[in-house]
Amino acid sequence: MKTTGVQKVAFVALAVLIALAGAGVLDGGAL
């Protein structure tokens, strides 16, 4: 089923977005 693949891609994209957002917050706090 394609649903599983879509969910996996969405999950990875979300995880990356959260990681980038977290890094941005840490950088903003450090600066």
N, C-alpha and C. Protein backbone atom coordinates (compact mmCIF):
# COMPACT_ATOMS: atom_id res chain seq x y z
N MET A 1 0.84 -1.21 0.00
CA MET A 1 0.00 0.00 0.00
C MET A 1 0.87 1.26 0.00
N LYS A 2 0.44 2.22 -0.77
CA LYS A 2 1.21 3.47 -0.87
C LYS A 2 1.08 4.31 0.41
N THR A 3 0.00 4.06 1.16
CA THR A 3 -0.23 4.84 2.38
C THR A 3 0.97 4.76 3.33
N THR A 4 1.52 3.54 3.49
CA THR A 4 2.66 3.36 4.40
C THR A 4 3.84 4.19 3.95
N GLY A 5 4.10 4.20 2.65
CA GLY A 5 5.23 4.97 2.11
C GLY A 5 5.02 6.46 2.35
N VAL A 6 3.79 6.91 2.09
CA VAL A 6 3.49 8.34 2.29
C VAL A 6 3.67 8.73 3.74
N GLN A 7 3.17 7.89 4.64
CA GLN A 7 3.29 8.18 6.07
C GLN A 7 4.76 8.22 6.49
N LYS A 8 5.57 7.30 5.91
CA LYS A 8 6.98 7.25 6.26
C LYS A 8 7.69 8.52 5.82
N VAL A 9 7.40 8.94 4.59
CA VAL A 9 8.01 10.17 4.05
C VAL A 9 7.59 11.37 4.88
N ALA A 10 6.31 11.43 5.22
CA ALA A 10 5.78 12.55 6.01
C ALA A 10 6.44 12.57 7.39
N PHE A 11 6.61 11.39 7.98
CA PHE A 11 7.21 11.30 9.30
C PHE A 11 8.66 11.79 9.27
N VAL A 12 9.41 11.36 8.24
CA VAL A 12 10.81 11.76 8.10
C VAL A 12 10.90 13.27 7.89
N ALA A 13 10.03 13.79 7.02
CA ALA A 13 10.03 15.24 6.74
C ALA A 13 9.72 16.01 8.02
N LEU A 14 8.75 15.52 8.79
CA LEU A 14 8.37 16.19 10.04
C LEU A 14 9.53 16.15 11.04
N ALA A 15 10.19 14.99 11.13
CA ALA A 15 11.31 14.85 12.06
C ALA A 15 12.43 15.82 11.69
N VAL A 16 12.71 15.94 10.39
CA VAL A 16 13.76 16.86 9.93
C VAL A 16 13.37 18.30 10.25
N LEU A 17 12.09 18.62 9.99
CA LEU A 17 11.61 19.98 10.26
C LEU A 17 11.75 20.32 11.74
N ILE A 18 11.37 19.37 12.60
CA ILE A 18 11.47 19.59 14.05
C ILE A 18 12.94 19.76 14.45
N ALA A 19 13.81 18.96 13.85
CA ALA A 19 15.24 19.05 14.17
C ALA A 19 15.78 20.42 13.78
N LEU A 20 15.40 20.87 12.58
CA LEU A 20 15.86 22.18 12.11
C LEU A 20 15.30 23.29 13.00
N ALA A 21 14.03 23.16 13.37
CA ALA A 21 13.39 24.16 14.22
C ALA A 21 14.09 24.20 15.58
N GLY A 22 14.40 23.01 16.12
CA GLY A 22 15.08 22.94 17.41
C GLY A 22 16.45 23.58 17.34
N ALA A 23 17.17 23.31 16.24
CA ALA A 23 18.51 23.88 16.07
C ALA A 23 18.40 25.40 15.97
N GLY A 24 17.36 25.88 15.27
CA GLY A 24 17.16 27.32 15.12
C GLY A 24 16.90 27.97 16.47
N VAL A 25 16.12 27.29 17.31
CA VAL A 25 15.82 27.83 18.64
C VAL A 25 17.09 27.88 19.48
N LEU A 26 17.89 26.82 19.41
CA LEU A 26 19.13 26.77 20.18
C LEU A 26 20.09 27.85 19.70
N ASP A 27 20.19 28.02 18.37
CA ASP A 27 21.09 29.04 17.81
C ASP A 27 20.60 30.43 18.24
N GLY A 28 19.28 30.64 18.17
CA GLY A 28 18.72 31.93 18.56
C GLY A 28 19.00 32.21 20.04
N GLY A 29 18.88 31.19 20.88
CA GLY A 29 19.13 31.35 22.31
C GLY A 29 20.60 31.63 22.58
N ALA A 30 21.48 30.92 21.81
CA ALA A 30 22.92 31.09 22.01
C ALA A 30 23.34 32.49 21.59
N LEU A 31 22.74 32.96 20.47
CA LEU A 31 23.10 34.29 19.98
C LEU A 31 22.32 35.34 20.78
